[in-house]
C-alpha atoms as a PDB file:
ATOM      1  CA  UNK A   1     -16.416  50.604 -15.099  1.00  0.00           C
ATOM      2  CA  UNK A   2     -19.208  51.858 -17.395  1.00  0.00           C
ATOM      3  CA  UNK A   3     -18.325  54.476 -20.051  1.00  0.00           C
ATOM      4  CA  UNK A   4     -20.695  56.921 -18.274  1.00  0.00           C
ATOM      5  CA  UNK A   5     -18.842  56.404 -15.019  1.00  0.00           C
ATOM      6  CA  UNK A   6     -15.426  56.846 -16.657  1.00  0.00           C
ATOM      7  CA  UNK A   7     -16.505  60.127 -18.263  1.00  0.00           C
ATOM      8  CA  UNK A   8     -18.075  61.412 -15.053  1.00  0.00           C
ATOM      9  CA  UNK A   9     -15.017  60.398 -13.029  1.00  0.00           C
ATOM     10  CA  UNK A  10     -12.818  62.366 -15.444  1.00  0.00           C
ATOM     11  CA  UNK A  11     -15.125  65.393 -15.132  1.00  0.00           C
ATOM     12  CA  UNK A  12     -15.071  65.144 -11.346  1.00  0.00           C
ATOM     13  CA  UNK A  13     -11.273  64.930 -11.390  1.00  0.00           C
ATOM     14  CA  UNK A  14     -11.148  68.035 -13.611  1.00  0.00           C
ATOM     15  CA  UNK A  15     -13.470  69.966 -11.305  1.00  0.00           C
ATOM     16  CA  UNK A  16     -11.291  68.976  -8.342  1.00  0.00           C
ATOM     17  CA  UNK A  17      -8.127  70.202 -10.056  1.00  0.00           C
ATOM     18  CA  UNK A  18      -9.743  73.555 -10.865  1.00  0.00           C
ATOM     19  CA  UNK A  19     -11.027  73.919  -7.300  1.00  0.00           C
ATOM     20  CA  UNK A  20      -7.571  73.223  -5.859  1.00  0.00           C
ATOM     21  CA  UNK A  21      -5.931  75.605  -8.328  1.00  0.00           C
ATOM     22  CA  UNK A  22      -8.096  78.509  -7.112  1.00  0.00           C
ATOM     23  CA  UNK A  23      -7.777  77.587  -3.439  1.00  0.00           C
ATOM     24  CA  UNK A  24     -11.192  75.998  -2.883  1.00  0.00           C
ATOM     25  CA  UNK A  25     -11.619  72.821  -0.810  1.00  0.00           C
ATOM     26  CA  UNK A  26     -12.308  69.577  -2.631  1.00  0.00           C
ATOM     27  CA  UNK A  27     -15.870  68.356  -2.781  1.00  0.00           C
ATOM     28  CA  UNK A  28     -16.725  65.367  -0.595  1.00  0.00           C
ATOM     29  CA  UNK A  29     -17.119  62.130  -2.523  1.00  0.00           C
ATOM     30  CA  UNK A  30     -19.622  59.516  -1.388  1.00  0.00           C
ATOM     31  CA  UNK A  31     -19.963  56.225  -3.214  1.00  0.00           C
ATOM     32  CA  UNK A  32     -22.979  53.937  -3.508  1.00  0.00           C
ATOM     33  CA  UNK A  33     -22.741  50.223  -4.106  1.00  0.00           C
ATOM     34  CA  UNK A  34     -25.222  49.477  -6.887  1.00  0.00           C
ATOM     35  CA  UNK A  35     -25.349  45.802  -5.917  1.00  0.00           C
ATOM     36  CA  UNK A  36     -27.067  46.521  -2.594  1.00  0.00           C
ATOM     37  CA  UNK A  37     -30.224  48.479  -1.732  1.00  0.00           C
ATOM     38  CA  UNK A  38     -29.789  52.142  -0.787  1.00  0.00           C
ATOM     39  CA  UNK A  39     -29.261  52.348   2.991  1.00  0.00           C
ATOM     40  CA  UNK A  40     -31.171  55.593   3.368  1.00  0.00           C
ATOM     41  CA  UNK A  41     -30.558  56.381   7.090  1.00  0.00           C
ATOM     42  CA  UNK A  42     -26.800  56.073   6.553  1.00  0.00           C
ATOM     43  CA  UNK A  43     -26.919  58.230   3.403  1.00  0.00           C
ATOM     44  CA  UNK A  44     -29.208  60.802   4.983  1.00  0.00           C
ATOM     45  CA  UNK A  45     -26.753  61.211   7.851  1.00  0.00           C
ATOM     46  CA  UNK A  46     -23.773  61.510   5.471  1.00  0.00           C
ATOM     47  CA  UNK A  47     -25.548  64.042   3.241  1.00  0.00           C
ATOM     48  CA  UNK A  48     -26.732  66.173   6.140  1.00  0.00           C
ATOM     49  CA  UNK A  49     -23.155  66.246   7.482  1.00  0.00           C
ATOM     50  CA  UNK A  50     -21.716  67.706   4.250  1.00  0.00           C
ATOM     51  CA  UNK A  51     -24.812  69.797   3.336  1.00  0.00           C
ATOM     52  CA  UNK A  52     -24.481  69.553  -0.459  1.00  0.00           C
ATOM     53  CA  UNK A  53     -26.531  71.577  -2.916  1.00  0.00           C
ATOM     54  CA  UNK A  54     -25.855  69.290  -5.894  1.00  0.00           C
ATOM     55  CA  UNK A  55     -25.095  65.587  -6.221  1.00  0.00           C
ATOM     56  CA  UNK A  56     -23.127  64.283  -9.200  1.00  0.00           C
ATOM     57  CA  UNK A  57     -23.936  60.672  -9.996  1.00  0.00           C
ATOM     58  CA  UNK A  58     -21.420  58.916 -12.202  1.00  0.00           C
ATOM     59  CA  UNK A  59     -23.812  56.088 -13.075  1.00  0.00           C
ATOM     60  CA  UNK A  60     -27.160  56.686 -14.746  1.00  0.00           C
ATOM     61  CA  UNK A  61     -28.704  53.761 -12.841  1.00  0.00           C
ATOM     62  CA  UNK A  62     -28.153  55.586  -9.536  1.00  0.00           C
ATOM     63  CA  UNK A  63     -30.051  58.732 -10.471  1.00  0.00           C
ATOM     64  CA  UNK A  64     -33.689  57.474 -10.166  1.00  0.00           C
ATOM     65  CA  UNK A  65     -33.373  55.676  -6.794  1.00  0.00           C
ATOM     66  CA  UNK A  66     -31.365  58.534  -5.316  1.00  0.00           C
ATOM     67  CA  UNK A  67     -33.881  61.124  -6.556  1.00  0.00           C
ATOM     68  CA  UNK A  68     -36.754  59.067  -5.141  1.00  0.00           C
ATOM     69  CA  UNK A  69     -35.056  58.808  -1.745  1.00  0.00           C
ATOM     70  CA  UNK A  70     -34.265  62.526  -1.645  1.00  0.00           C
ATOM     71  CA  UNK A  71     -37.743  63.704  -2.661  1.00  0.00           C
ATOM     72  CA  UNK A  72     -39.309  61.985   0.326  1.00  0.00           C
ATOM     73  CA  UNK A  73     -36.976  63.580   2.897  1.00  0.00           C
ATOM     74  CA  UNK A  74     -37.787  67.223   3.582  1.00  0.00           C
ATOM     75  CA  UNK A  75     -34.404  68.828   4.263  1.00  0.00           C
ATOM     76  CA  UNK A  76     -32.722  67.100   1.314  1.00  0.00           C
ATOM     77  CA  UNK A  77     -35.598  67.328  -1.172  1.00  0.00           C
ATOM     78  CA  UNK A  78     -34.162  70.542  -2.680  1.00  0.00           C
ATOM     79  CA  UNK A  79     -30.955  68.880  -3.900  1.00  0.00           C
ATOM     80  CA  UNK A  80     -30.240  68.838  -7.617  1.00  0.00           C
ATOM     81  CA  UNK A  81     -29.080  65.474  -8.909  1.00  0.00           C
ATOM     82  CA  UNK A  82     -26.761  65.548 -11.925  1.00  0.00           C
ATOM     83  CA  UNK A  83     -25.945  62.366 -13.792  1.00  0.00           C
ATOM     84  CA  UNK A  84     -25.149  60.848 -17.165  1.00  0.00           C
ATOM     85  CA  UNK A  85     -27.940  61.152 -19.704  1.00  0.00           C
ATOM     86  CA  UNK A  86     -30.147  58.103 -19.379  1.00  0.00           C
ATOM     87  CA  UNK A  87     -32.950  59.487 -21.535  1.00  0.00           C
ATOM     88  CA  UNK A  88     -35.229  60.034 -18.550  1.00  0.00           C
ATOM     89  CA  UNK A  89     -35.701  63.581 -17.312  1.00  0.00           C
ATOM     90  CA  UNK A  90     -37.196  64.180 -13.893  1.00  0.00           C
ATOM     91  CA  UNK A  91     -37.916  67.306 -11.883  1.00  0.00           C
ATOM     92  CA  UNK A  92     -34.816  68.383  -9.988  1.00  0.00           C
ATOM     93  CA  UNK A  93     -32.396  66.451 -12.142  1.00  0.00           C
ATOM     94  CA  UNK A  94     -30.135  67.358 -15.021  1.00  0.00           C
ATOM     95  CA  UNK A  95     -28.147  65.096 -17.266  1.00  0.00           C
ATOM     96  CA  UNK A  96     -24.941  65.483 -19.257  1.00  0.00           C
END
């Protein structure tokens, strides 16, 4: 696993522990396979089902294709994508 992914996984685990400690439900976790093209209809259906407001990407390489897919689909175009800093800033995304 990439160092970015390890750090992001640890952050996600920490957020989950805090959420459970204060009685909030855990966030849904969806995983992309970077070795295959993004299957947008499947992802669109999954995202619409959980209605997220923010997506946390644990791998910098996933941020650009996910942002591109989201921006072209009306109901999901408002989502903020958060991912490891890859040196490329885009509208609607933040990096850590």
